[in-house]
Amino acid sequence: MDEKNIIDFSLNEEGLKELYRKEVQKYLQKIEMETMLMDSKQLCKMLNLSWPTIEKLFLNDPDFPSVRIGKKWIFNRKEVQTYIDWWFSDIREQGGTISIY
């Protein structure tokens, strides 16, 4: 009886490397998002805002969850998320426009 290949399987090595790289990147981002505290750069990334904008909008608010240690600001990720959820809803109720000048 002749054996025939029923399944022909090949791998694109570059495609496999790219898929692996993407999965590793997703995992690293997940780990970063699970850290409890973040610094100012991580906050900027989380909120997709510049540091000067964050200073104007949030750092003067005593309710914003921030702590300054020396020259460094740190933020509790979950508390920031809760605050931002409240802040965003409040801004939308007031018409959805913010002036930061």
N, C-alpha and C. Protein backbone atom coordinates (compact mmCIF):
# COMPACT_ATOMS: atom_id res chain seq x y z
N MET A 1 0.85 -1.18 0.00
CA MET A 1 0.00 0.00 0.00
C MET A 1 0.89 1.23 0.00
N ASP A 2 0.60 2.17 -0.89
CA ASP A 2 1.37 3.40 -0.97
C ASP A 2 0.95 4.36 0.14
N GLU A 3 1.97 4.94 0.79
CA GLU A 3 1.67 5.96 1.80
C GLU A 3 1.62 7.32 1.13
N LYS A 4 0.58 8.03 1.38
CA LYS A 4 0.45 9.37 0.82
C LYS A 4 0.37 10.38 1.97
N ASN A 5 0.95 11.52 1.73
CA ASN A 5 0.85 12.59 2.72
C ASN A 5 -0.54 13.18 2.66
N ILE A 6 -1.25 13.02 3.74
CA ILE A 6 -2.58 13.59 3.82
C ILE A 6 -2.48 15.07 4.21
N ILE A 7 -1.55 15.36 5.08
CA ILE A 7 -1.37 16.72 5.56
C ILE A 7 0.04 17.17 5.22
N ASP A 8 0.14 18.30 4.60
CA ASP A 8 1.43 18.91 4.31
C ASP A 8 1.56 20.12 5.22
N PHE A 9 2.55 20.14 6.08
CA PHE A 9 2.69 21.17 7.10
C PHE A 9 4.00 21.90 6.92
N SER A 10 3.94 23.23 6.90
CA SER A 10 5.16 24.03 6.84
C SER A 10 5.00 25.24 7.74
N LEU A 11 6.13 25.74 8.21
CA LEU A 11 6.14 26.90 9.09
C LEU A 11 6.86 28.06 8.43
N ASN A 12 6.30 29.22 8.58
CA ASN A 12 6.97 30.43 8.16
C ASN A 12 7.73 30.92 9.40
N GLU A 13 9.02 30.77 9.40
CA GLU A 13 9.82 31.08 10.58
C GLU A 13 9.70 32.54 11.00
N GLU A 14 9.72 33.46 10.05
CA GLU A 14 9.59 34.88 10.38
C GLU A 14 8.21 35.18 10.96
N GLY A 15 7.19 34.58 10.40
CA GLY A 15 5.84 34.76 10.92
C GLY A 15 5.71 34.22 12.33
N LEU A 16 6.33 33.08 12.58
CA LEU A 16 6.31 32.48 13.90
C LEU A 16 7.04 33.37 14.91
N LYS A 17 8.17 33.94 14.52
CA LYS A 17 8.91 34.85 15.40
C LYS A 17 8.07 36.08 15.73
N GLU A 18 7.38 36.62 14.73
CA GLU A 18 6.54 37.81 14.94
C GLU A 18 5.38 37.49 15.88
N LEU A 19 4.75 36.35 15.69
CA LEU A 19 3.67 35.93 16.56
C LEU A 19 4.18 35.77 18.00
N TYR A 20 5.32 35.16 18.17
CA TYR A 20 5.91 34.97 19.49
C TYR A 20 6.22 36.32 20.13
N ARG A 21 6.80 37.26 19.35
CA ARG A 21 7.15 38.58 19.86
C ARG A 21 5.90 39.32 20.34
N LYS A 22 4.82 39.23 19.57
CA LYS A 22 3.57 39.89 19.94
C LYS A 22 3.00 39.31 21.23
N GLU A 23 3.05 38.01 21.36
CA GLU A 23 2.51 37.37 22.56
C GLU A 23 3.33 37.73 23.79
N VAL A 24 4.65 37.78 23.65
CA VAL A 24 5.52 38.19 24.77
C VAL A 24 5.21 39.63 25.16
N GLN A 25 5.03 40.50 24.17
CA GLN A 25 4.72 41.91 24.44
C GLN A 25 3.39 42.05 25.18
N LYS A 26 2.38 41.28 24.77
CA LYS A 26 1.09 41.32 25.45
C LYS A 26 1.24 40.87 26.91
N TYR A 27 2.03 39.83 27.12
CA TYR A 27 2.24 39.33 28.48
C TYR A 27 2.95 40.37 29.34
N LEU A 28 3.96 41.04 28.79
CA LEU A 28 4.69 42.07 29.54
C LEU A 28 3.77 43.24 29.87
N GLN A 29 2.90 43.63 28.95
CA GLN A 29 1.95 44.70 29.22
C GLN A 29 0.97 44.30 30.31
N LYS A 30 0.56 43.04 30.30
CA LYS A 30 -0.35 42.55 31.34
C LYS A 30 0.32 42.62 32.70
N ILE A 31 1.57 42.21 32.78
CA ILE A 31 2.31 42.27 34.05
C ILE A 31 2.42 43.72 34.52
N GLU A 32 2.73 44.63 33.59
CA GLU A 32 2.84 46.05 33.94
C GLU A 32 1.52 46.58 34.47
N MET A 33 0.41 46.18 33.86
CA MET A 33 -0.90 46.66 34.29
C MET A 33 -1.31 46.08 35.64
N GLU A 34 -0.70 44.99 36.05
CA GLU A 34 -1.05 44.38 37.32
C GLU A 34 -0.25 44.95 38.49
N THR A 35 0.78 45.74 38.20
CA THR A 35 1.55 46.33 39.30
C THR A 35 0.67 47.35 40.00
N MET A 36 0.79 47.40 41.30
CA MET A 36 -0.09 48.26 42.08
C MET A 36 0.29 49.73 41.95
N LEU A 37 1.57 50.03 42.01
CA LEU A 37 2.02 51.42 41.95
C LEU A 37 2.64 51.72 40.61
N MET A 38 2.50 52.96 40.19
CA MET A 38 3.12 53.37 38.94
C MET A 38 3.75 54.75 39.13
N ASP A 39 4.69 55.06 38.26
CA ASP A 39 5.34 56.36 38.31
C ASP A 39 4.67 57.30 37.31
N SER A 40 5.21 58.50 37.17
CA SER A 40 4.59 59.50 36.31
C SER A 40 4.58 59.07 34.84
N LYS A 41 5.62 58.40 34.38
CA LYS A 41 5.66 57.95 32.99
C LYS A 41 4.57 56.90 32.73
N GLN A 42 4.40 56.00 33.68
CA GLN A 42 3.37 54.98 33.52
C GLN A 42 1.98 55.59 33.58
N LEU A 43 1.80 56.62 34.41
CA LEU A 43 0.52 57.31 34.48
C LEU A 43 0.22 57.99 33.15
N CYS A 44 1.22 58.66 32.57
CA CYS A 44 1.04 59.30 31.26
C CYS A 44 0.60 58.27 30.22
N LYS A 45 1.24 57.12 30.26
CA LYS A 45 0.91 56.07 29.30
C LYS A 45 -0.50 55.54 29.55
N MET A 46 -0.85 55.33 30.80
CA MET A 46 -2.17 54.81 31.15
C MET A 46 -3.27 55.77 30.69
N LEU A 47 -3.07 57.08 30.91
CA LEU A 47 -4.09 58.07 30.60
C LEU A 47 -3.97 58.63 29.19
N ASN A 48 -2.87 58.31 28.53
CA ASN A 48 -2.61 58.83 27.19
C ASN A 48 -2.61 60.36 27.18
N LEU A 49 -2.00 60.94 28.22
CA LEU A 49 -1.88 62.38 28.37
C LEU A 49 -0.44 62.75 28.67
N SER A 50 -0.06 63.98 28.36
CA SER A 50 1.29 64.44 28.67
C SER A 50 1.37 64.77 30.16
N TRP A 51 2.58 64.81 30.69
CA TRP A 51 2.77 65.15 32.10
C TRP A 51 2.26 66.55 32.42
N PRO A 52 2.56 67.57 31.59
CA PRO A 52 2.01 68.90 31.90
C PRO A 52 0.48 68.92 31.97
N THR A 53 -0.18 68.16 31.12
CA THR A 53 -1.64 68.09 31.15
C THR A 53 -2.12 67.42 32.42
N ILE A 54 -1.46 66.35 32.83
CA ILE A 54 -1.82 65.67 34.07
C ILE A 54 -1.63 66.60 35.26
N GLU A 55 -0.53 67.36 35.26
CA GLU A 55 -0.31 68.32 36.34
C GLU A 55 -1.45 69.32 36.43
N LYS A 56 -1.85 69.87 35.28
CA LYS A 56 -2.91 70.89 35.25
C LYS A 56 -4.26 70.32 35.65
N LEU A 57 -4.56 69.12 35.17
CA LEU A 57 -5.89 68.56 35.41
C LEU A 57 -6.05 67.91 36.77
N PHE A 58 -5.01 67.24 37.26
CA PHE A 58 -5.22 66.36 38.40
C PHE A 58 -4.38 66.63 39.65
N LEU A 59 -3.14 67.04 39.51
CA LEU A 59 -2.26 67.09 40.69
C LEU A 59 -2.65 68.15 41.71
N ASN A 60 -3.40 69.17 41.30
CA ASN A 60 -3.86 70.16 42.26
C ASN A 60 -5.11 69.72 43.01
N ASP A 61 -5.73 68.64 42.55
CA ASP A 61 -6.93 68.12 43.20
C ASP A 61 -6.51 67.24 44.38
N PRO A 62 -6.88 67.63 45.61
CA PRO A 62 -6.50 66.82 46.77
C PRO A 62 -7.11 65.42 46.77
N ASP A 63 -8.15 65.20 45.97
CA ASP A 63 -8.77 63.87 45.89
C ASP A 63 -8.07 62.95 44.90
N PHE A 64 -7.18 63.51 44.07
CA PHE A 64 -6.47 62.66 43.12
C PHE A 64 -5.48 61.78 43.87
N PRO A 65 -5.51 60.47 43.64
CA PRO A 65 -4.69 59.53 44.42
C PRO A 65 -3.20 59.58 44.03
N SER A 66 -2.48 60.47 44.66
CA SER A 66 -1.06 60.61 44.36
C SER A 66 -0.28 60.81 45.65
N VAL A 67 0.98 60.39 45.60
CA VAL A 67 1.90 60.57 46.72
C VAL A 67 3.22 61.04 46.14
N ARG A 68 3.81 62.02 46.78
CA ARG A 68 5.12 62.50 46.33
C ARG A 68 6.16 62.03 47.32
N ILE A 69 7.16 61.35 46.80
CA ILE A 69 8.28 60.87 47.60
C ILE A 69 9.52 61.58 47.06
N GLY A 70 9.99 62.57 47.79
CA GLY A 70 11.10 63.38 47.29
C GLY A 70 10.64 64.12 46.05
N LYS A 71 11.32 63.90 44.94
CA LYS A 71 10.95 64.53 43.68
C LYS A 71 10.07 63.64 42.81
N LYS A 72 9.81 62.43 43.28
CA LYS A 72 9.10 61.45 42.46
C LYS A 72 7.64 61.32 42.90
N TRP A 73 6.75 61.28 41.91
CA TRP A 73 5.34 61.02 42.16
C TRP A 73 5.06 59.54 41.95
N ILE A 74 4.23 58.96 42.82
CA ILE A 74 3.76 57.59 42.62
C ILE A 74 2.24 57.58 42.74
N PHE A 75 1.63 56.61 42.06
CA PHE A 75 0.18 56.55 41.96
C PHE A 75 -0.28 55.11 42.11
N ASN A 76 -1.36 54.93 42.86
CA ASN A 76 -1.97 53.61 42.98
C ASN A 76 -2.86 53.39 41.76
N ARG A 77 -2.54 52.38 40.99
CA ARG A 77 -3.21 52.14 39.71
C ARG A 77 -4.72 51.99 39.86
N LYS A 78 -5.18 51.21 40.83
CA LYS A 78 -6.62 50.99 40.98
C LYS A 78 -7.33 52.25 41.45
N GLU A 79 -6.69 53.01 42.34
CA GLU A 79 -7.31 54.25 42.81
C GLU A 79 -7.38 55.28 41.69
N VAL A 80 -6.34 55.32 40.86
CA VAL A 80 -6.36 56.24 39.72
C VAL A 80 -7.49 55.85 38.77
N GLN A 81 -7.66 54.57 38.50
CA GLN A 81 -8.73 54.13 37.60
C GLN A 81 -10.09 54.52 38.15
N THR A 82 -10.30 54.34 39.45
CA THR A 82 -11.57 54.72 40.07
C THR A 82 -11.80 56.22 39.95
N TYR A 83 -10.76 57.01 40.24
CA TYR A 83 -10.86 58.46 40.14
C TYR A 83 -11.17 58.89 38.72
N ILE A 84 -10.45 58.34 37.74
CA ILE A 84 -10.64 58.72 36.34
C ILE A 84 -12.04 58.36 35.87
N ASP A 85 -12.55 57.21 36.29
CA ASP A 85 -13.91 56.83 35.93
C ASP A 85 -14.90 57.88 36.45
N TRP A 86 -14.75 58.30 37.71
CA TRP A 86 -15.61 59.31 38.30
C TRP A 86 -15.43 60.64 37.56
N TRP A 87 -14.19 61.06 37.37
CA TRP A 87 -13.87 62.34 36.73
C TRP A 87 -14.46 62.41 35.32
N PHE A 88 -14.28 61.34 34.56
CA PHE A 88 -14.78 61.31 33.19
C PHE A 88 -16.30 61.45 33.16
N SER A 89 -16.99 60.74 34.04
CA SER A 89 -18.46 60.84 34.11
C SER A 89 -18.88 62.25 34.49
N ASP A 90 -18.17 62.85 35.45
CA ASP A 90 -18.49 64.20 35.90
C ASP A 90 -18.30 65.21 34.78
N ILE A 91 -17.21 65.09 34.04
CA ILE A 91 -16.95 66.01 32.92
C ILE A 91 -18.03 65.86 31.85
N ARG A 92 -18.42 64.65 31.56
CA ARG A 92 -19.46 64.42 30.53
C ARG A 92 -20.79 65.03 30.96
N GLU A 93 -21.11 64.93 32.26
CA GLU A 93 -22.36 65.52 32.77
C GLU A 93 -22.34 67.04 32.65
N GLN A 94 -21.16 67.63 32.68
CA GLN A 94 -21.03 69.08 32.60
C GLN A 94 -20.85 69.58 31.16
N GLY A 95 -21.01 68.71 30.20
CA GLY A 95 -20.95 69.13 28.81
C GLY A 95 -19.79 68.53 28.02
N GLY A 96 -18.84 67.91 28.70
CA GLY A 96 -17.79 67.19 28.02
C GLY A 96 -16.63 68.01 27.48
N THR A 97 -16.49 69.26 27.92
CA THR A 97 -15.40 70.10 27.44
C THR A 97 -14.51 70.53 28.60
N ILE A 98 -13.21 70.47 28.39
CA ILE A 98 -12.25 70.86 29.42
C ILE A 98 -11.33 71.92 28.83
N SER A 99 -11.12 72.98 29.59
CA SER A 99 -10.15 74.00 29.20
C SER A 99 -8.98 73.92 30.16
N ILE A 100 -7.77 73.72 29.65
CA ILE A 100 -6.61 73.57 30.54
C ILE A 100 -5.62 74.71 30.39
N TYR A 101 -6.01 75.80 29.80
CA TYR A 101 -5.08 76.92 29.60
C TYR A 101 -4.97 77.79 30.79
